[in-house]
Protein backbone atom coordinates (compact mmCIF):
# COMPACT_ATOMS: atom_id res chain seq x y z
CA GLY A 1 0.00 0.00 0.00
CA THR A 2 0.97 3.67 -0.12
CA TRP A 3 0.86 6.05 2.83
CA ARG A 4 0.61 9.69 1.86
CA THR A 5 1.35 12.63 4.15
CA GLY A 6 1.16 15.99 2.44
CA GLU A 7 3.48 15.82 -0.56
CA VAL A 8 5.40 12.79 0.72
CA SER A 9 4.42 9.29 -0.40
CA ASP A 10 5.95 6.16 1.12
CA THR A 11 5.34 2.50 0.44
CA VAL A 12 4.02 0.71 3.51
CA ALA A 13 2.87 -2.79 4.38
CA VAL A 14 -0.82 -3.33 5.10
CA LYS A 15 -1.68 -6.55 6.91
CA ILE A 16 -5.42 -7.17 6.55
CA PHE A 17 -7.31 -9.14 9.19
CA HIS A 18 -10.86 -10.35 8.68
CA SER A 19 -13.38 -9.63 11.41
CA ARG A 20 -13.10 -13.16 12.85
CA ALA A 21 -9.43 -12.42 13.63
CA GLU A 22 -10.21 -9.21 15.49
CA ALA A 23 -8.55 -10.44 18.70
CA SER A 24 -5.23 -10.98 16.93
CA TRP A 25 -5.46 -7.58 15.17
CA SER A 26 -6.27 -5.85 18.43
CA ARG A 27 -3.47 -7.64 20.24
CA GLU A 28 -0.87 -6.64 17.66
CA GLY A 29 -2.05 -3.03 17.90
CA GLU A 30 -1.74 -3.10 21.69
CA ILE A 31 1.78 -4.54 21.59
CA TYR A 32 3.00 -2.09 18.94
CA ALA A 33 1.54 0.78 21.00
CA THR A 34 3.62 -0.20 24.05
CA PRO A 35 5.73 2.81 25.09
CA GLY A 36 9.42 2.22 24.45
CA LEU A 37 8.90 -0.69 22.05
CA ALA A 38 10.46 1.06 19.02
CA HIS A 39 13.81 -0.45 18.06
CA PRO A 40 15.72 -0.98 14.78
CA SER A 41 15.13 -4.73 15.12
CA ILE A 42 11.38 -4.44 15.77
CA LEU A 43 9.12 -3.87 12.76
CA GLY A 44 8.21 -0.17 12.55
CA PHE A 45 4.54 0.46 13.39
CA ILE A 46 2.47 3.19 11.70
CA ALA A 47 -1.22 2.72 12.53
CA ILE A 48 -4.19 0.40 12.83
CA ASP A 49 -7.55 1.15 11.22
CA ASN A 50 -11.02 -0.20 10.46
CA VAL A 51 -11.83 -0.06 6.74
CA ASP A 52 -15.31 -0.54 5.31
CA ALA A 53 -14.85 -2.80 2.28
CA GLY A 54 -18.57 -2.80 1.46
CA TRP A 55 -19.26 -6.47 2.12
CA GLU A 56 -17.24 -6.57 5.34
CA THR A 57 -15.16 -4.50 7.71
CA GLN A 58 -11.46 -5.06 7.20
CA LEU A 59 -9.02 -4.56 10.05
CA TRP A 60 -5.77 -3.00 8.86
CA LEU A 61 -2.37 -3.05 10.53
CA ILE A 62 -0.04 -0.60 8.77
CA THR A 63 3.71 -0.99 9.22
CA ASP A 64 7.00 -0.32 7.49
CA TYR A 65 7.46 -2.26 4.25
CA HIS A 66 10.45 -4.51 3.66
CA ALA A 67 10.64 -5.77 0.08
CA ASN A 68 12.90 -8.73 0.95
CA GLY A 69 10.02 -10.38 2.78
CA SER A 70 10.37 -12.94 5.55
CA LEU A 71 13.67 -14.42 6.68
CA GLN A 72 12.47 -17.89 5.74
CA THR A 73 11.62 -16.85 2.18
CA TYR A 74 14.89 -14.94 1.82
CA LEU A 75 16.96 -17.91 2.97
CA MET A 76 15.09 -20.23 0.64
CA GLU A 77 15.83 -17.99 -2.33
CA HIS A 78 19.32 -16.63 -1.58
CA SER A 79 22.62 -17.99 -0.40
CA ILE A 80 24.27 -15.74 2.20
CA SER A 81 27.80 -14.89 3.19
CA CYS A 82 29.18 -15.22 6.70
CA ARG A 83 29.11 -11.42 7.05
CA VAL A 84 25.42 -11.24 6.11
CA ALA A 85 24.63 -14.12 8.46
CA ALA A 86 26.40 -12.31 11.31
CA GLY A 87 24.31 -9.17 10.77
CA MET A 88 21.10 -11.18 10.57
CA CYS A 89 21.84 -13.12 13.75
CA HIS A 90 22.93 -10.10 15.75
CA SER A 91 19.89 -8.03 14.74
CA ILE A 92 17.47 -10.86 15.57
CA VAL A 93 19.04 -11.39 18.99
CA THR A 94 19.14 -7.69 19.88
CA GLY A 95 15.51 -7.32 18.81
CA LEU A 96 14.42 -10.18 21.06
CA ALA A 97 16.58 -8.86 23.92
CA HIS A 98 14.83 -5.48 23.60
CA LEU A 99 11.43 -7.17 23.52
CA HIS A 100 12.16 -9.25 26.62
CA THR A 101 13.66 -6.43 28.68
CA GLU A 102 11.71 -4.18 31.02
CA LEU A 103 12.67 -0.54 30.47
CA ILE A 104 11.98 2.15 33.06
CA SER A 105 12.18 5.79 32.01
CA ALA A 106 10.98 9.08 33.44
CA GLY A 107 8.21 9.15 30.86
CA PHE A 108 7.18 5.49 30.56
CA VAL A 109 7.61 1.91 31.67
CA LYS A 110 8.01 -0.73 28.97
CA PRO A 111 7.20 -4.16 30.40
CA GLY A 112 9.03 -7.29 29.35
CA ILE A 113 7.24 -8.96 26.43
CA ALA A 114 7.31 -12.58 25.27
CA HIS A 115 6.78 -12.98 21.51
CA CYS A 116 5.32 -16.52 21.74
CA ASP A 117 5.72 -17.27 18.02
CA VAL A 118 9.40 -16.75 17.17
CA LYS A 119 10.17 -18.36 13.80
CA SER A 120 11.90 -17.40 10.57
CA ASN A 121 8.58 -16.65 8.88
CA ASN A 122 7.79 -14.00 11.53
CA ILE A 123 11.07 -12.14 10.98
CA LEU A 124 11.55 -9.69 8.11
CA VAL A 125 14.72 -8.94 6.16
CA LYS A 126 15.47 -5.24 5.74
CA ALA A 127 17.19 -3.56 2.79
CA ASP A 128 20.58 -3.71 4.54
CA LEU A 129 20.02 -7.46 5.15
CA THR A 130 19.64 -7.09 8.89
CA CYS A 131 16.36 -8.32 10.37
CA CYS A 132 13.42 -7.17 12.46
CA LEU A 133 10.86 -9.08 14.51
CA ALA A 134 7.22 -8.92 13.41
CA ASP A 135 3.84 -10.62 13.99
CA PHE A 136 2.98 -9.93 17.62
CA GLY A 137 -0.57 -11.33 17.59
CA LEU A 138 0.29 -13.94 20.24
CA ALA A 139 2.65 -11.77 22.31
CA VAL A 140 2.25 -11.53 26.09
CA ARG A 141 3.37 -8.67 28.33
CA GLU A 142 4.73 -9.35 31.79
CA THR A 143 2.00 -7.10 33.17
CA ASP A 144 -0.78 -9.16 31.53
CA GLU A 145 -2.91 -11.46 33.63
CA LEU A 146 -1.97 -14.98 32.54
CA ARG A 147 -4.47 -17.80 32.61
CA ARG A 148 -2.86 -20.11 35.15
CA ASP A 149 -5.14 -22.99 34.20
CA GLY A 150 -5.06 -22.25 30.48
CA ASP A 151 -3.14 -23.84 27.64
CA ARG A 152 -0.35 -21.56 26.39
CA ARG A 153 0.81 -24.01 23.73
CA VAL A 154 0.31 -21.33 21.12
CA GLY A 155 2.68 -20.66 18.28
CA THR A 156 4.04 -22.80 15.47
CA VAL A 157 4.35 -26.47 16.41
CA ARG A 158 7.79 -26.99 14.83
CA TYR A 159 9.26 -24.20 16.99
CA LEU A 160 7.52 -25.04 20.31
CA SER A 161 9.92 -25.65 23.17
CA PRO A 162 9.99 -28.96 25.05
CA GLN A 163 8.30 -27.50 28.12
CA LEU A 164 5.40 -26.17 26.05
CA LEU A 165 5.05 -29.49 24.24
CA ASP A 166 5.07 -31.34 27.56
CA GLY A 167 2.44 -29.06 29.13
CA GLY A 168 2.08 -28.80 32.88
CA PRO A 169 1.93 -25.85 35.31
CA ALA A 170 4.81 -24.01 33.64
CA LEU A 171 2.45 -23.01 30.82
CA GLY A 172 1.10 -20.24 33.03
CA SER A 173 4.51 -18.70 33.77
CA PHE A 174 5.62 -15.54 31.96
CA ALA A 175 9.29 -16.47 32.48
CA ASN A 176 8.55 -19.81 30.83
CA LEU A 177 7.14 -18.04 27.77
CA GLN A 178 10.32 -15.98 27.42
CA GLN A 179 12.42 -19.12 27.80
CA ALA A 180 10.32 -20.73 25.05
CA ASP A 181 11.23 -17.74 22.86
CA LEU A 182 14.90 -18.50 23.49
CA TYR A 183 14.52 -22.10 22.36
CA ALA A 184 12.84 -20.92 19.15
CA LEU A 185 15.56 -18.29 18.72
CA GLY A 186 18.14 -21.07 18.70
CA LEU A 187 16.28 -22.78 15.86
CA VAL A 188 16.13 -19.55 13.84
CA LEU A 189 19.86 -18.89 14.30
CA TRP A 190 20.52 -22.46 13.20
CA GLU A 191 18.53 -21.80 10.00
CA VAL A 192 20.72 -18.77 9.26
CA GLY A 193 23.97 -20.58 10.03
CA GLN A 194 22.95 -23.63 8.02
CA ARG A 195 22.31 -21.42 4.97
CA CYS A 196 25.96 -20.35 5.05
CA LEU A 197 26.90 -24.00 4.58
CA GLY A 198 24.39 -25.23 2.02
CA PRO A 199 20.75 -25.27 0.89
CA TYR A 200 18.04 -23.93 3.16
CA SER A 201 16.43 -26.38 5.57
CA LEU A 202 13.71 -26.09 8.18
CA PRO A 203 14.70 -27.20 11.67
CA TYR A 204 14.10 -30.94 12.10
CA ALA A 205 13.30 -31.36 8.39
CA GLU A 206 15.15 -34.69 8.35
CA TRP A 207 12.91 -36.14 11.08
CA ALA A 208 9.59 -34.26 11.19
CA PRO A 209 6.88 -34.10 8.49
CA ALA A 210 6.11 -30.84 6.70
CA ASN A 211 3.23 -30.10 9.10
CA PRO A 212 4.14 -31.90 12.32
CA SER A 213 1.61 -32.55 15.05
CA LEU A 214 2.17 -31.77 18.73
CA ASP A 215 2.79 -35.46 19.31
CA ASP A 216 5.32 -35.62 16.45
CA MET A 217 7.38 -32.82 17.97
CA ARG A 218 6.91 -34.01 21.55
CA GLN A 219 8.39 -37.41 20.73
CA LEU A 220 11.23 -35.74 18.82
CA VAL A 221 12.46 -32.94 21.12
CA CYS A 222 11.31 -33.96 24.61
CA ARG A 223 12.91 -36.57 26.84
CA PRO A 224 14.13 -39.20 26.36
CA ARG A 225 15.11 -38.42 22.74
CA CYS A 226 15.87 -34.68 23.09
CA ALA A 227 16.75 -34.33 19.39
CA ARG A 228 18.13 -31.03 18.12
CA PRO A 229 19.17 -29.86 14.62
CA ALA A 230 22.48 -31.29 13.47
CA LEU A 231 25.73 -29.38 14.08
CA PRO A 232 28.38 -31.51 12.36
CA ALA A 233 31.69 -30.19 13.65
CA ASP A 234 33.56 -30.63 10.39
CA ALA A 235 31.16 -28.29 8.59
CA TRP A 236 30.13 -25.78 11.29
CA LEU A 237 33.52 -25.21 12.90
CA ALA A 238 35.08 -24.76 9.46
CA GLY A 239 32.23 -22.64 8.13
CA GLY A 240 33.45 -19.19 9.15
CA PRO A 241 33.21 -17.07 12.32
CA VAL A 242 29.42 -16.97 12.61
CA CYS A 243 29.06 -20.73 12.29
CA ARG A 244 31.87 -21.32 14.77
CA VAL A 245 30.29 -19.02 17.38
CA LEU A 246 26.88 -20.67 16.94
CA ALA A 247 28.26 -24.22 17.05
CA ASP A 248 30.69 -23.57 19.92
CA GLY A 249 28.06 -23.74 22.66
CA LEU A 250 25.73 -20.84 21.82
CA LEU A 251 23.00 -22.87 20.12
CA GLU A 252 23.14 -25.61 22.74
CA ALA A 253 22.74 -22.94 25.42
CA LEU A 254 19.63 -21.59 23.70
CA TRP A 255 17.86 -24.91 23.11
CA HIS A 256 18.92 -26.58 26.39
CA PRO A 257 16.26 -29.07 27.61
CA GLU A 258 16.00 -27.24 30.97
CA PRO A 259 14.43 -23.78 30.50
CA GLY A 260 16.32 -22.27 33.41
CA GLN A 261 19.64 -23.24 31.83
CA ARG A 262 19.01 -21.39 28.56
CA LEU A 263 21.17 -18.40 27.73
CA GLY A 264 19.12 -15.20 27.85
CA ALA A 265 18.72 -12.95 24.84
CA LEU A 266 21.03 -10.34 26.36
CA GLY A 267 23.66 -13.01 26.99
CA SER A 268 23.25 -14.23 23.42
CA SER A 269 23.78 -10.69 22.18
CA SER A 270 27.04 -10.47 24.13
CA GLY A 271 28.18 -13.76 22.65
CA LEU A 272 27.47 -12.49 19.15
CA ARG A 273 29.46 -9.26 19.49
CA SER A 274 32.56 -11.13 18.35
CA PHE A 275 31.11 -11.06 14.84
């Protein structure tokens, strides 16, 4: 779409929700309106609006436009250098660190936010080939009232963490939702690193079907199997600095079976500064 202000015309992205998805549209608007959310690695928000399309009311979410599309699509269609991979990984991690972190300022308080659907298809590639997080329809703020008896196994099944797949009382914990983001972050960084070494692959593509069920992924990534994407040392440790940093403990720290042992987004950002 095109957003026009006075004599200036800019291309923007318009995400259109149908009325039955009003809750997701409203939630995205609420998250984007959070004071202090703006960050180079968070998709730039412009406005939300109701538009009468004649036969129905459309719900518009208007954001910055990034012609490269999603990270998943970009990786499927382009090989990437180690330098590009480093910029992608660092921008994704710093965006998630900003999202997770509570910020207190004289003018506002930004609560910690869990994305709850981190995956390569919910990350956009900018013109400079760094990335920004998008799609906050499932996001949860630390200040939100969580349903303690509810099922928080929301998100994309392939990227759900072991503790979400297993269920149990941890589903109602905000810290658990942020730790689930970290597990999914590890899978996304693996996708980027793997593309430096060869053709694009989804995490677990060698074991899971194209549209895995909860039970498929539970048997794969939970105990006793605890499978994780392959990190063959001969390829990853010889694949350039970004692959070496990812393979040398960083990915394992992000997708550790125990949520409390996972490296936080800020810690991941520190580990990636060597790029």
